[in-house]
Amino acid sequence: MSAFPARAVGAVESSESSAAGGYRIVRPAKSATDPAVEPFYSFLVPAPDGTEWLQFGSEDDKNTLKTRFKLRRFRGKKPPKTMDLVFITGPAPEGILKNVRQKEYSDSTGIVKDSGGDMPGSSIVDIEWTDFDEDAWKRQVKIRSWMRVLHGRGPAGDLFMLFQVPDSMAADMFEDLWVPMRDSLRFGA
């Protein structure tokens, strides 16, 4: 595990990274240093003042296509210890959109927005939903999830990005964290 804003596996300094106050992550990380390796995808992990991320996984695995981060600080404050604020990217699991859309949600939860962009010819799907999850103390907490799926060539080439936070914190994190991450996700470097 490595903490941000310290340099992360596959983090590439760029003018976009510096201007936005974050790091561009490239997967596989090896593609950032080896011109023979094609980058599958890249994205920006924003780090506005006082924001710190913890990256999970081996720093030695420069071939992985997956990325997982936990938010350690946002605007200098630690999130509740009982909740993990998780951010995941990688090849999209088969049926991920169908699972979100067809899930039976409880009262006051469910899909908030769905771009419906999975029609033929569309390459981007954005979906937002709420659901309940247990925290470390087994209390039910309403979670807000945002996901972007980029359609590649064939179902095995799809890419996804998922960010989950307690619903009570979602308004603060939407513009500062989710929007820059979502909008920077792309195939290649």
C-alpha atoms as a PDB file:
ATOM      1  CA  MET A   1       0.000   0.000   0.000  1.00  0.00           C
ATOM      2  CA  SER A   2       1.225   3.476  -0.746  1.00  0.00           C
ATOM      3  CA  ALA A   3      -0.227   6.780   0.362  1.00  0.00           C
ATOM      4  CA  PHE A   4      -0.941   9.822  -1.763  1.00  0.00           C
ATOM      5  CA  PRO A   5       0.130  12.507  -2.318  1.00  0.00           C
ATOM      6  CA  ALA A   6       3.347  10.474  -2.355  1.00  0.00           C
ATOM      7  CA  ARG A   7       4.081   9.047  -5.808  1.00  0.00           C
ATOM      8  CA  ALA A   8       1.944   5.995  -6.569  1.00  0.00           C
ATOM      9  CA  VAL A   9       2.553   3.044  -8.851  1.00  0.00           C
ATOM     10  CA  GLY A  10       1.959   4.235 -12.391  1.00  0.00           C
ATOM     11  CA  ALA A  11       1.573   7.884 -11.372  1.00  0.00           C
ATOM     12  CA  VAL A  12       2.818  10.171 -14.093  1.00  0.00           C
ATOM     13  CA  GLU A  13       3.579  13.850 -13.539  1.00  0.00           C
ATOM     14  CA  SER A  14       2.033  16.002 -16.237  1.00  0.00           C
ATOM     15  CA  SER A  15       0.827  19.546 -16.678  1.00  0.00           C
ATOM     16  CA  GLU A  16      -2.733  18.223 -16.357  1.00  0.00           C
ATOM     17  CA  SER A  17      -1.825  16.544 -13.046  1.00  0.00           C
ATOM     18  CA  SER A  18      -0.140  19.609 -11.607  1.00  0.00           C
ATOM     19  CA  ALA A  19      -2.836  22.040 -12.701  1.00  0.00           C
ATOM     20  CA  ALA A  20      -5.589  19.896 -11.231  1.00  0.00           C
ATOM     21  CA  GLY A  21      -3.713  19.131  -8.003  1.00  0.00           C
ATOM     22  CA  GLY A  22      -3.403  15.374  -8.450  1.00  0.00           C
ATOM     23  CA  TYR A  23      -1.725  12.530 -10.268  1.00  0.00           C
ATOM     24  CA  ARG A  24      -2.392  10.867 -13.611  1.00  0.00           C
ATOM     25  CA  ILE A  25      -2.448   7.096 -13.144  1.00  0.00           C
ATOM     26  CA  VAL A  26      -1.625   4.852 -16.106  1.00  0.00           C
ATOM     27  CA  ARG A  27      -2.405   1.129 -16.277  1.00  0.00           C
ATOM     28  CA  PRO A  28      -0.512  -1.041 -16.632  1.00  0.00           C
ATOM     29  CA  ALA A  29       2.024   1.016 -14.685  1.00  0.00           C
ATOM     30  CA  LYS A  30       4.830  -0.491 -16.739  1.00  0.00           C
ATOM     31  CA  SER A  31       3.557   1.435 -19.769  1.00  0.00           C
ATOM     32  CA  ALA A  32       4.638   4.714 -18.098  1.00  0.00           C
ATOM     33  CA  THR A  33       8.301   3.690 -18.357  1.00  0.00           C
ATOM     34  CA  ASP A  34       8.447   1.045 -21.106  1.00  0.00           C
ATOM     35  CA  PRO A  35       7.560   2.350 -24.600  1.00  0.00           C
ATOM     36  CA  ALA A  36       7.001  -1.242 -25.783  1.00  0.00           C
ATOM     37  CA  VAL A  37       4.003  -1.590 -23.437  1.00  0.00           C
ATOM     38  CA  GLU A  38       0.756   0.018 -24.619  1.00  0.00           C
ATOM     39  CA  PRO A  39      -1.245   1.759 -21.893  1.00  0.00           C
ATOM     40  CA  PHE A  40      -4.742   0.271 -21.520  1.00  0.00           C
ATOM     41  CA  TYR A  41      -6.193   3.280 -19.690  1.00  0.00           C
ATOM     42  CA  SER A  42      -5.393   6.325 -17.585  1.00  0.00           C
ATOM     43  CA  PHE A  43      -7.145   8.744 -15.253  1.00  0.00           C
ATOM     44  CA  LEU A  44      -6.489  11.597 -12.855  1.00  0.00           C
ATOM     45  CA  VAL A  45      -6.611  11.116  -9.082  1.00  0.00           C
ATOM     46  CA  PRO A  46      -7.320  14.612  -7.749  1.00  0.00           C
ATOM     47  CA  ALA A  47      -5.604  15.743  -4.577  1.00  0.00           C
ATOM     48  CA  PRO A  48      -7.065  19.144  -3.675  1.00  0.00           C
ATOM     49  CA  ASP A  49      -5.610  20.784  -0.576  1.00  0.00           C
ATOM     50  CA  GLY A  50      -5.548  18.375   2.329  1.00  0.00           C
ATOM     51  CA  THR A  51      -6.627  15.306   0.342  1.00  0.00           C
ATOM     52  CA  GLU A  52      -4.724  12.053   0.723  1.00  0.00           C
ATOM     53  CA  TRP A  53      -5.311   8.676  -0.907  1.00  0.00           C
ATOM     54  CA  LEU A  54      -4.064   5.212   0.051  1.00  0.00           C
ATOM     55  CA  GLN A  55      -3.372   2.880  -2.862  1.00  0.00           C
ATOM     56  CA  PHE A  56      -3.930  -0.838  -2.312  1.00  0.00           C
ATOM     57  CA  GLY A  57      -1.962  -3.532  -4.079  1.00  0.00           C
ATOM     58  CA  SER A  58       1.649  -4.376  -4.671  1.00  0.00           C
ATOM     59  CA  GLU A  59       3.930  -1.595  -5.818  1.00  0.00           C
ATOM     60  CA  ASP A  60       5.965  -4.288  -7.586  1.00  0.00           C
ATOM     61  CA  ASP A  61       3.074  -5.363  -9.824  1.00  0.00           C
ATOM     62  CA  LYS A  62       3.590  -3.048 -12.757  1.00  0.00           C
ATOM     63  CA  ASN A  63       1.452  -5.226 -15.076  1.00  0.00           C
ATOM     64  CA  THR A  64      -1.899  -5.049 -13.275  1.00  0.00           C
ATOM     65  CA  LEU A  65      -4.821  -3.368 -14.969  1.00  0.00           C
ATOM     66  CA  LYS A  66      -6.714  -2.832 -11.705  1.00  0.00           C
ATOM     67  CA  THR A  67      -6.426   0.050  -9.255  1.00  0.00           C
ATOM     68  CA  ARG A  68      -7.935   0.463  -5.801  1.00  0.00           C
ATOM     69  CA  PHE A  69      -7.694   3.515  -3.579  1.00  0.00           C
ATOM     70  CA  LYS A  70      -9.065   4.416  -0.170  1.00  0.00           C
ATOM     71  CA  LEU A  71      -9.590   8.058   0.738  1.00  0.00           C
ATOM     72  CA  ARG A  72      -7.561   8.835   3.884  1.00  0.00           C
ATOM     73  CA  ARG A  73      -8.124  12.577   4.128  1.00  0.00           C
ATOM     74  CA  PHE A  74     -10.451  15.012   2.384  1.00  0.00           C
ATOM     75  CA  ARG A  75      -9.773  18.721   2.833  1.00  0.00           C
ATOM     76  CA  GLY A  76      -7.468  17.783   5.719  1.00  0.00           C
ATOM     77  CA  LYS A  77     -10.128  15.799   7.594  1.00  0.00           C
ATOM     78  CA  LYS A  78     -10.201  12.045   8.089  1.00  0.00           C
ATOM     79  CA  PRO A  79     -13.368  10.247   6.961  1.00  0.00           C
ATOM     80  CA  PRO A  80     -15.189   8.221   9.629  1.00  0.00           C
ATOM     81  CA  LYS A  81     -13.008   5.309  10.785  1.00  0.00           C
ATOM     82  CA  THR A  82     -15.951   2.999  10.462  1.00  0.00           C
ATOM     83  CA  MET A  83     -16.281   3.486   6.682  1.00  0.00           C
ATOM     84  CA  ASP A  84     -13.967   2.891   3.748  1.00  0.00           C
ATOM     85  CA  LEU A  85     -14.347   5.447   0.981  1.00  0.00           C
ATOM     86  CA  VAL A  86     -13.349   3.305  -1.963  1.00  0.00           C
ATOM     87  CA  PHE A  87     -12.336   4.153  -5.513  1.00  0.00           C
ATOM     88  CA  ILE A  88     -11.767   1.271  -7.973  1.00  0.00           C
ATOM     89  CA  THR A  89     -10.857   1.109 -11.664  1.00  0.00           C
ATOM     90  CA  GLY A  90     -10.097  -1.690 -14.091  1.00  0.00           C
ATOM     91  CA  PRO A  91     -11.577  -3.961 -16.728  1.00  0.00           C
ATOM     92  CA  ALA A  92     -15.352  -4.028 -16.220  1.00  0.00           C
ATOM     93  CA  PRO A  93     -16.706  -7.198 -14.635  1.00  0.00           C
ATOM     94  CA  GLU A  94     -19.206  -8.954 -16.872  1.00  0.00           C
ATOM     95  CA  GLY A  95     -22.769  -7.784 -16.238  1.00  0.00           C
ATOM     96  CA  ILE A  96     -21.820  -4.935 -13.887  1.00  0.00           C
ATOM     97  CA  LEU A  97     -24.392  -2.511 -15.326  1.00  0.00           C
ATOM     98  CA  LYS A  98     -27.110  -5.158 -15.388  1.00  0.00           C
ATOM     99  CA  ASN A  99     -26.413  -5.997 -11.737  1.00  0.00           C
ATOM    100  CA  VAL A 100     -26.796  -2.361 -10.660  1.00  0.00           C
ATOM    101  CA  ARG A 101     -29.904  -1.770 -12.767  1.00  0.00           C
ATOM    102  CA  GLN A 102     -31.742  -4.968 -11.861  1.00  0.00           C
ATOM    103  CA  LYS A 103     -30.947  -5.010  -8.147  1.00  0.00           C
ATOM    104  CA  GLU A 104     -33.914  -4.805  -5.774  1.00  0.00           C
ATOM    105  CA  TYR A 105     -33.327  -1.680  -3.682  1.00  0.00           C
ATOM    106  CA  SER A 106     -34.958  -0.871  -0.350  1.00  0.00           C
ATOM    107  CA  ASP A 107     -37.078   2.211   0.277  1.00  0.00           C
ATOM    108  CA  SER A 108     -35.274   5.537  -0.235  1.00  0.00           C
ATOM    109  CA  THR A 109     -32.470   3.895  -2.228  1.00  0.00           C
ATOM    110  CA  GLY A 110     -31.983   3.015  -5.872  1.00  0.00           C
ATOM    111  CA  ILE A 111     -30.787   4.506  -9.114  1.00  0.00           C
ATOM    112  CA  VAL A 112     -30.538   8.292  -8.962  1.00  0.00           C
ATOM    113  CA  LYS A 113     -29.273   8.927 -12.512  1.00  0.00           C
ATOM    114  CA  ASP A 114     -28.579   6.633 -15.450  1.00  0.00           C
ATOM    115  CA  SER A 115     -27.278   7.999 -18.730  1.00  0.00           C
ATOM    116  CA  GLY A 116     -28.563   4.912 -20.499  1.00  0.00           C
ATOM    117  CA  GLY A 117     -25.521   5.276 -22.720  1.00  0.00           C
ATOM    118  CA  ASP A 118     -25.194   1.577 -23.405  1.00  0.00           C
ATOM    119  CA  MET A 119     -27.102   1.809 -26.679  1.00  0.00           C
ATOM    120  CA  PRO A 120     -25.354   0.806 -29.914  1.00  0.00           C
ATOM    121  CA  GLY A 121     -22.903   3.504 -30.959  1.00  0.00           C
ATOM    122  CA  SER A 122     -22.576   4.955 -27.452  1.00  0.00           C
ATOM    123  CA  SER A 123     -19.240   4.580 -25.723  1.00  0.00           C
ATOM    124  CA  ILE A 124     -19.934   5.973 -22.205  1.00  0.00           C
ATOM    125  CA  VAL A 125     -22.357   4.988 -19.449  1.00  0.00           C
ATOM    126  CA  ASP A 126     -22.668   7.042 -16.252  1.00  0.00           C
ATOM    127  CA  ILE A 127     -24.789   5.712 -13.430  1.00  0.00           C
ATOM    128  CA  GLU A 128     -25.375   6.936  -9.873  1.00  0.00           C
ATOM    129  CA  TRP A 129     -27.223   5.059  -7.135  1.00  0.00           C
ATOM    130  CA  THR A 130     -27.696   4.781  -3.396  1.00  0.00           C
ATOM    131  CA  ASP A 131     -27.907   1.687  -1.255  1.00  0.00           C
ATOM    132  CA  PHE A 132     -27.347   0.654   2.345  1.00  0.00           C
ATOM    133  CA  ASP A 133     -24.179  -1.035   3.589  1.00  0.00           C
ATOM    134  CA  GLU A 134     -22.851  -1.928   7.026  1.00  0.00           C
ATOM    135  CA  ASP A 135     -20.065   0.059   8.622  1.00  0.00           C
ATOM    136  CA  ALA A 136     -17.414  -1.492  10.882  1.00  0.00           C
ATOM    137  CA  TRP A 137     -19.840  -1.312  13.820  1.00  0.00           C
ATOM    138  CA  LYS A 138     -22.562  -3.178  11.864  1.00  0.00           C
ATOM    139  CA  ARG A 139     -24.701  -0.049  11.516  1.00  0.00           C
ATOM    140  CA  GLN A 140     -26.599   0.516   8.276  1.00  0.00           C
ATOM    141  CA  VAL A 141     -25.177   3.499   6.376  1.00  0.00           C
ATOM    142  CA  LYS A 142     -26.593   4.933   3.155  1.00  0.00           C
ATOM    143  CA  ILE A 143     -23.877   4.837   0.471  1.00  0.00           C
ATOM    144  CA  ARG A 144     -23.752   6.907  -2.718  1.00  0.00           C
ATOM    145  CA  SER A 145     -22.058   5.208  -5.665  1.00  0.00           C
ATOM    146  CA  TRP A 146     -20.966   6.726  -8.944  1.00  0.00           C
ATOM    147  CA  MET A 147     -19.772   4.599 -11.847  1.00  0.00           C
ATOM    148  CA  ARG A 148     -18.533   5.306 -15.344  1.00  0.00           C
ATOM    149  CA  VAL A 149     -18.186   2.542 -17.916  1.00  0.00           C
ATOM    150  CA  LEU A 150     -16.282   3.085 -21.154  1.00  0.00           C
ATOM    151  CA  HIS A 151     -17.152   0.590 -23.846  1.00  0.00           C
ATOM    152  CA  GLY A 152     -14.158  -0.843 -25.653  1.00  0.00           C
ATOM    153  CA  ARG A 153     -13.991  -3.199 -28.565  1.00  0.00           C
ATOM    154  CA  GLY A 154     -16.128  -6.127 -27.447  1.00  0.00           C
ATOM    155  CA  PRO A 155     -17.426  -6.814 -23.933  1.00  0.00           C
ATOM    156  CA  ALA A 156     -13.996  -7.901 -22.639  1.00  0.00           C
ATOM    157  CA  GLY A 157     -12.597  -4.477 -23.546  1.00  0.00           C
ATOM    158  CA  ASP A 158     -14.908  -2.431 -21.316  1.00  0.00           C
ATOM    159  CA  LEU A 159     -13.416  -0.302 -18.546  1.00  0.00           C
ATOM    160  CA  PHE A 160     -15.073   0.882 -15.335  1.00  0.00           C
ATOM    161  CA  MET A 161     -14.488   3.386 -12.553  1.00  0.00           C
ATOM    162  CA  LEU A 162     -16.431   3.211  -9.272  1.00  0.00           C
ATOM    163  CA  PHE A 163     -16.395   5.653  -6.338  1.00  0.00           C
ATOM    164  CA  GLN A 164     -18.426   4.986  -3.181  1.00  0.00           C
ATOM    165  CA  VAL A 165     -18.882   7.351  -0.235  1.00  0.00           C
ATOM    166  CA  PRO A 166     -21.368   7.791   2.616  1.00  0.00           C
ATOM    167  CA  ASP A 167     -24.365   9.655   1.217  1.00  0.00           C
ATOM    168  CA  SER A 168     -23.914  12.353   3.879  1.00  0.00           C
ATOM    169  CA  MET A 169     -20.506  13.237   2.341  1.00  0.00           C
ATOM    170  CA  ALA A 170     -21.473  12.925  -1.337  1.00  0.00           C
ATOM    171  CA  ALA A 171     -22.291  16.587  -1.991  1.00  0.00           C
ATOM    172  CA  ASP A 172     -18.834  17.693  -0.805  1.00  0.00           C
ATOM    173  CA  MET A 173     -16.987  15.067  -2.845  1.00  0.00           C
ATOM    174  CA  PHE A 174     -18.916  15.179  -6.113  1.00  0.00           C
ATOM    175  CA  GLU A 175     -17.282  18.260  -7.688  1.00  0.00           C
ATOM    176  CA  ASP A 176     -13.846  18.038  -6.027  1.00  0.00           C
ATOM    177  CA  LEU A 177     -13.214  14.316  -6.501  1.00  0.00           C
ATOM    178  CA  TRP A 178     -15.715  12.404  -8.614  1.00  0.00           C
ATOM    179  CA  VAL A 179     -16.093  14.831 -11.528  1.00  0.00           C
ATOM    180  CA  PRO A 180     -12.322  15.186 -12.218  1.00  0.00           C
ATOM    181  CA  MET A 181     -11.797  11.421 -11.907  1.00  0.00           C
ATOM    182  CA  ARG A 182     -14.772  10.556 -14.091  1.00  0.00           C
ATOM    183  CA  ASP A 183     -13.982  13.123 -16.765  1.00  0.00           C
ATOM    184  CA  SER A 184     -10.309  12.123 -16.986  1.00  0.00           C
ATOM    185  CA  LEU A 185     -10.886   8.377 -17.492  1.00  0.00           C
ATOM    186  CA  ARG A 186      -9.829   7.326 -20.971  1.00  0.00           C
ATOM    187  CA  PHE A 187      -8.370   4.480 -22.965  1.00  0.00           C
ATOM    188  CA  GLY A 188      -4.636   4.910 -23.580  1.00  0.00           C
ATOM    189  CA  ALA A 189      -2.394   7.414 -21.835  1.00  0.00           C
END
